[in-house]
C-alpha atoms as a PDB file:
ATOM      1  CA  MET A   1     -12.286  -7.986  -4.878  1.00  0.00           C
ATOM      2  CA  SER A   2      -8.597  -7.708  -3.976  1.00  0.00           C
ATOM      3  CA  GLY A   3      -7.083  -9.390  -0.915  1.00  0.00           C
ATOM      4  CA  CYS A   4      -6.901  -6.053   0.918  1.00  0.00           C
ATOM      5  CA  GLU A   5     -10.555  -5.238   0.181  1.00  0.00           C
ATOM      6  CA  ALA A   6     -11.633  -8.716   1.334  1.00  0.00           C
ATOM      7  CA  ARG A   7      -9.646  -8.294   4.564  1.00  0.00           C
ATOM      8  CA  ASP A   8     -11.306  -4.901   5.231  1.00  0.00           C
ATOM      9  CA  ALA A   9     -14.842  -6.142   4.427  1.00  0.00           C
ATOM     10  CA  LYS A  10     -17.549  -5.655   7.039  1.00  0.00           C
ATOM     11  CA  LYS A  11     -20.767  -7.489   7.771  1.00  0.00           C
ATOM     12  CA  LEU A  12     -23.978  -6.490   9.511  1.00  0.00           C
ATOM     13  CA  VAL A  13     -24.611  -8.642  12.586  1.00  0.00           C
ATOM     14  CA  ARG A  14     -27.768  -8.738  14.717  1.00  0.00           C
ATOM     15  CA  SER A  15     -27.163  -9.551  18.368  1.00  0.00           C
ATOM     16  CA  ALA A  16     -29.325  -9.327  21.485  1.00  0.00           C
ATOM     17  CA  SER A  17     -27.790  -5.867  21.977  1.00  0.00           C
ATOM     18  CA  GLY A  18     -28.620  -4.468  18.519  1.00  0.00           C
ATOM     19  CA  LEU A  19     -27.240  -4.148  14.997  1.00  0.00           C
ATOM     20  CA  ARG A  20     -23.462  -4.036  14.655  1.00  0.00           C
ATOM     21  CA  MET A  21     -21.241  -3.471  11.608  1.00  0.00           C
ATOM     22  CA  VAL A  22     -18.210  -5.649  12.321  1.00  0.00           C
ATOM     23  CA  PRO A  23     -15.114  -6.529  10.274  1.00  0.00           C
ATOM     24  CA  GLU A  24     -15.391  -9.945   8.624  1.00  0.00           C
ATOM     25  CA  HIS A  25     -11.838 -10.823   9.594  1.00  0.00           C
ATOM     26  CA  ARG A  26     -10.520 -10.601  13.135  1.00  0.00           C
ATOM     27  CA  SER A  27      -7.237  -9.179  11.822  1.00  0.00           C
ATOM     28  CA  ALA A  28      -9.113  -6.076  10.607  1.00  0.00           C
ATOM     29  CA  ARG A  29     -10.571  -5.271  14.034  1.00  0.00           C
ATOM     30  CA  SER A  30      -9.410  -2.115  15.756  1.00  0.00           C
ATOM     31  CA  PRO A  31      -7.301  -2.651  18.885  1.00  0.00           C
ATOM     32  CA  PHE A  32      -9.514   0.059  20.443  1.00  0.00           C
ATOM     33  CA  GLY A  33     -12.649  -2.065  20.004  1.00  0.00           C
ATOM     34  CA  LEU A  34     -14.583  -3.622  22.844  1.00  0.00           C
ATOM     35  CA  ASP A  35     -16.232  -7.033  22.867  1.00  0.00           C
ATOM     36  CA  GLU A  36     -19.877  -7.221  23.843  1.00  0.00           C
ATOM     37  CA  PRO A  37     -20.133  -8.126  27.529  1.00  0.00           C
ATOM     38  CA  PRO A  38     -22.083 -11.175  28.635  1.00  0.00           C
ATOM     39  CA  TRP A  39     -25.486 -10.105  29.938  1.00  0.00           C
ATOM     40  CA  VAL A  40     -26.337 -10.850  33.552  1.00  0.00           C
ATOM     41  CA  PRO A  41     -29.010 -13.580  33.214  1.00  0.00           C
ATOM     42  CA  ASP A  42     -32.548 -12.324  33.901  1.00  0.00           C
ATOM     43  CA  LYS A  43     -33.104 -14.898  36.648  1.00  0.00           C
ATOM     44  CA  GLU A  44     -30.035 -13.584  38.515  1.00  0.00           C
ATOM     45  CA  CYS A  45     -31.282  -9.988  38.740  1.00  0.00           C
ATOM     46  CA  PRO A  46     -34.714  -9.604  40.370  1.00  0.00           C
ATOM     47  CA  ARG A  47     -33.836  -5.969  41.260  1.00  0.00           C
ATOM     48  CA  CYS A  48     -32.157  -2.996  39.589  1.00  0.00           C
ATOM     49  CA  MET A  49     -28.405  -3.197  40.149  1.00  0.00           C
ATOM     50  CA  GLN A  50     -28.279   0.588  40.715  1.00  0.00           C
ATOM     51  CA  CYS A  51     -31.324   1.648  42.779  1.00  0.00           C
ATOM     52  CA  ASP A  52     -32.536  -1.778  43.999  1.00  0.00           C
ATOM     53  CA  THR A  53     -36.057  -1.319  42.562  1.00  0.00           C
ATOM     54  CA  LYS A  54     -37.851  -4.666  42.210  1.00  0.00           C
ATOM     55  CA  PHE A  55     -38.664  -5.693  38.644  1.00  0.00           C
ATOM     56  CA  ASP A  56     -42.288  -6.586  37.935  1.00  0.00           C
ATOM     57  CA  PHE A  57     -44.904  -6.250  35.205  1.00  0.00           C
ATOM     58  CA  ILE A  58     -44.707  -2.432  35.301  1.00  0.00           C
ATOM     59  CA  THR A  59     -41.000  -1.968  36.127  1.00  0.00           C
ATOM     60  CA  ARG A  60     -39.153  -3.732  33.325  1.00  0.00           C
ATOM     61  CA  LYS A  61     -35.489  -4.657  33.352  1.00  0.00           C
ATOM     62  CA  HIS A  62     -33.043  -3.431  30.755  1.00  0.00           C
ATOM     63  CA  HIS A  63     -29.480  -4.517  30.080  1.00  0.00           C
ATOM     64  CA  CYS A  64     -26.725  -1.956  29.622  1.00  0.00           C
ATOM     65  CA  ARG A  65     -25.100  -2.737  26.264  1.00  0.00           C
ATOM     66  CA  ARG A  66     -21.660  -1.763  27.561  1.00  0.00           C
ATOM     67  CA  CYS A  67     -21.468  -3.587  30.933  1.00  0.00           C
ATOM     68  CA  GLY A  68     -24.272  -6.164  30.588  1.00  0.00           C
ATOM     69  CA  LYS A  69     -25.807  -5.450  34.021  1.00  0.00           C
ATOM     70  CA  CYS A  70     -29.580  -5.194  34.701  1.00  0.00           C
ATOM     71  CA  PHE A  71     -31.233  -1.851  35.433  1.00  0.00           C
ATOM     72  CA  CYS A  72     -34.661  -0.266  35.623  1.00  0.00           C
ATOM     73  CA  ASP A  73     -35.658   2.255  32.954  1.00  0.00           C
ATOM     74  CA  LYS A  74     -34.701   5.232  35.150  1.00  0.00           C
ATOM     75  CA  CYS A  75     -31.164   3.909  35.713  1.00  0.00           C
ATOM     76  CA  CYS A  76     -30.623   2.751  32.125  1.00  0.00           C
ATOM     77  CA  SER A  77     -32.420   5.330  30.008  1.00  0.00           C
ATOM     78  CA  LYS A  78     -29.522   6.889  28.069  1.00  0.00           C
ATOM     79  CA  LYS A  79     -29.078   5.924  24.423  1.00  0.00           C
ATOM     80  CA  VAL A  80     -25.517   6.748  23.497  1.00  0.00           C
ATOM     81  CA  PRO A  81     -23.368   5.848  20.460  1.00  0.00           C
ATOM     82  CA  LEU A  82     -20.977   3.000  21.182  1.00  0.00           C
ATOM     83  CA  PRO A  83     -18.617   2.885  18.174  1.00  0.00           C
ATOM     84  CA  ARG A  84     -16.027   0.802  20.061  1.00  0.00           C
ATOM     85  CA  MET A  85     -18.498  -2.102  19.887  1.00  0.00           C
ATOM     86  CA  CYS A  86     -19.401  -1.284  16.258  1.00  0.00           C
ATOM     87  CA  PHE A  87     -23.069  -0.514  16.991  1.00  0.00           C
ATOM     88  CA  VAL A  88     -24.889   1.085  14.072  1.00  0.00           C
ATOM     89  CA  ASP A  89     -27.261   3.159  16.248  1.00  0.00           C
ATOM     90  CA  PRO A  90     -26.990   4.621  19.772  1.00  0.00           C
ATOM     91  CA  VAL A  91     -27.696   1.935  22.375  1.00  0.00           C
ATOM     92  CA  ARG A  92     -29.119   1.778  25.905  1.00  0.00           C
ATOM     93  CA  GLN A  93     -26.490   2.270  28.595  1.00  0.00           C
ATOM     94  CA  CYS A  94     -26.499   2.799  32.349  1.00  0.00           C
ATOM     95  CA  ALA A  95     -25.537   6.295  33.551  1.00  0.00           C
ATOM     96  CA  GLU A  96     -21.946   5.293  34.432  1.00  0.00           C
ATOM     97  CA  CYS A  97     -21.276   3.583  31.101  1.00  0.00           C
ATOM     98  CA  ALA A  98     -23.014   6.380  29.148  1.00  0.00           C
ATOM     99  CA  LEU A  99     -20.654   8.930  30.702  1.00  0.00           C
ATOM    100  CA  ILE A 100     -17.614   6.816  29.806  1.00  0.00           C
ATOM    101  CA  SER A 101     -18.897   6.311  26.238  1.00  0.00           C
ATOM    102  CA  GLN A 102     -19.565  10.039  25.807  1.00  0.00           C
ATOM    103  CA  LYS A 103     -16.032  10.916  26.994  1.00  0.00           C
ATOM    104  CA  GLU A 104     -14.521   8.290  24.699  1.00  0.00           C
ATOM    105  CA  THR A 105     -16.537   9.575  21.754  1.00  0.00           C
ATOM    106  CA  GLU A 106     -15.347  13.128  22.425  1.00  0.00           C
ATOM    107  CA  PHE A 107     -11.759  11.897  22.609  1.00  0.00           C
ATOM    108  CA  TYR A 108     -12.030   9.833  19.433  1.00  0.00           C
ATOM    109  CA  ASP A 109     -13.787  12.634  17.556  1.00  0.00           C
ATOM    110  CA  LYS A 110     -10.971  15.055  18.402  1.00  0.00           C
ATOM    111  CA  GLN A 111      -7.798  13.017  18.864  1.00  0.00           C
ATOM    112  CA  LEU A 112      -8.365  10.098  16.522  1.00  0.00           C
ATOM    113  CA  LYS A 113      -8.856  12.458  13.573  1.00  0.00           C
ATOM    114  CA  VAL A 114      -5.464  14.033  14.325  1.00  0.00           C
ATOM    115  CA  LEU A 115      -3.859  10.595  14.539  1.00  0.00           C
ATOM    116  CA  MET A 116      -5.560   9.374  11.361  1.00  0.00           C
ATOM    117  CA  ASN A 117      -4.550  12.497   9.397  1.00  0.00           C
ATOM    118  CA  GLY A 118      -1.060  12.607  10.858  1.00  0.00           C
ATOM    119  CA  ALA A 119       0.857  15.194  12.820  1.00  0.00           C
ATOM    120  CA  THR A 120       4.516  16.173  12.880  1.00  0.00           C
ATOM    121  CA  PHE A 121       6.602  15.163  15.879  1.00  0.00           C
ATOM    122  CA  PHE A 122      10.238  14.809  16.835  1.00  0.00           C
ATOM    123  CA  VAL A 123      10.697  11.075  17.374  1.00  0.00           C
ATOM    124  CA  THR A 124      13.554   9.363  19.172  1.00  0.00           C
ATOM    125  CA  LEU A 125      13.569   5.640  18.480  1.00  0.00           C
ATOM    126  CA  GLY A 126      14.867   3.131  20.997  1.00  0.00           C
ATOM    127  CA  SER A 127      18.054   4.128  22.768  1.00  0.00           C
ATOM    128  CA  SER A 128      19.124   6.517  20.004  1.00  0.00           C
ATOM    129  CA  ASP A 129      20.320  10.017  20.941  1.00  0.00           C
ATOM    130  CA  LYS A 130      19.135  11.456  17.628  1.00  0.00           C
ATOM    131  CA  SER A 131      15.603  12.775  17.139  1.00  0.00           C
ATOM    132  CA  GLU A 132      14.031  12.727  13.704  1.00  0.00           C
ATOM    133  CA  LEU A 133      11.217  14.950  12.455  1.00  0.00           C
ATOM    134  CA  MET A 134       8.447  12.531  11.439  1.00  0.00           C
ATOM    135  CA  VAL A 135       4.812  12.556  10.489  1.00  0.00           C
ATOM    136  CA  CYS A 136       3.046  10.144  12.834  1.00  0.00           C
ATOM    137  CA  ARG A 137      -0.341   8.769  11.931  1.00  0.00           C
ATOM    138  CA  LEU A 138      -2.550   5.842  12.756  1.00  0.00           C
ATOM    139  CA  SER A 139      -3.201   3.362   9.953  1.00  0.00           C
ATOM    140  CA  ASN A 140      -6.733   3.180   8.538  1.00  0.00           C
ATOM    141  CA  ASN A 141      -7.454  -0.046  10.408  1.00  0.00           C
ATOM    142  CA  GLN A 142      -6.044   1.529  13.615  1.00  0.00           C
ATOM    143  CA  ARG A 143      -3.640  -1.392  14.097  1.00  0.00           C
ATOM    144  CA  TYR A 144      -0.352   0.381  13.266  1.00  0.00           C
ATOM    145  CA  LEU A 145       1.370   3.632  14.118  1.00  0.00           C
ATOM    146  CA  VAL A 146       3.008   4.802  10.894  1.00  0.00           C
ATOM    147  CA  LEU A 147       6.102   7.006  11.247  1.00  0.00           C
ATOM    148  CA  ASP A 148       7.305   8.767   8.088  1.00  0.00           C
ATOM    149  CA  GLY A 149      10.399  10.924   7.871  1.00  0.00           C
ATOM    150  CA  ASP A 150      13.870  10.156   6.524  1.00  0.00           C
ATOM    151  CA  SER A 151      12.998   6.632   7.656  1.00  0.00           C
ATOM    152  CA  HIS A 152       9.683   4.768   7.473  1.00  0.00           C
ATOM    153  CA  TYR A 153       8.373   2.587  10.286  1.00  0.00           C
ATOM    154  CA  GLU A 154       5.109   0.776  10.916  1.00  0.00           C
ATOM    155  CA  ILE A 155       4.735  -0.253  14.521  1.00  0.00           C
ATOM    156  CA  GLU A 156       1.892  -2.539  15.552  1.00  0.00           C
ATOM    157  CA  ILE A 157      -0.093  -0.749  18.279  1.00  0.00           C
ATOM    158  CA  ILE A 158      -0.237  -3.900  20.379  1.00  0.00           C
ATOM    159  CA  GLN A 159       3.603  -3.874  20.540  1.00  0.00           C
ATOM    160  CA  ILE A 160       3.778  -0.355  22.045  1.00  0.00           C
ATOM    161  CA  SER A 161       4.135  -0.559  25.804  1.00  0.00           C
ATOM    162  CA  THR A 162       4.702   3.120  26.643  1.00  0.00           C
ATOM    163  CA  VAL A 163       4.557   6.492  24.954  1.00  0.00           C
ATOM    164  CA  GLN A 164       6.299   9.551  26.315  1.00  0.00           C
ATOM    165  CA  ILE A 165       5.507  12.930  24.844  1.00  0.00           C
ATOM    166  CA  LEU A 166       8.118  15.577  25.520  1.00  0.00           C
ATOM    167  CA  THR A 167       7.624  19.220  24.679  1.00  0.00           C
ATOM    168  CA  GLU A 168      10.843  21.199  24.698  1.00  0.00           C
ATOM    169  CA  GLY A 169       9.971  24.634  23.378  1.00  0.00           C
ATOM    170  CA  PHE A 170       8.037  23.387  20.358  1.00  0.00           C
ATOM    171  CA  THR A 171       4.457  22.413  19.819  1.00  0.00           C
ATOM    172  CA  PRO A 172       3.956  18.769  18.737  1.00  0.00           C
ATOM    173  CA  GLY A 173       1.895  18.589  15.597  1.00  0.00           C
ATOM    174  CA  GLY A 174       2.432  22.291  14.864  1.00  0.00           C
END
């Protein structure tokens, strides 16, 4: 196995929240990933944190895999994919977190594919007055924005503080 393959290797991890397929090396993690939240301890939540229903033998408590809070089955019944936490299967989430996860998934399904495949943009770097036509794409590990044109740049996503998209009579990516 080459150094690059070893760095991109993944392992299956079982946690209290479910099965996750995570990168073996921290450097291979996506900057868009989320860490698993700490779960509110069972003894600290005698009631649903949404509807205030008391937990008992019949009304069981469930933890939202995204926020870690305690809910009854009615308030935490959605099973939604959570790729930002590397879950293999859809996981139980409260209604608020499920909505956020669904919107993120829609965004990633549409926009991330464009960024991974690359799109053509006019790019002005730094304080330069000159724009350059470049293909911009996200690296496979989602850690770098790769800009290819007359010049080649790889910018670590964590170093980007702002992005300004200007459309002046042309369609970016078109």
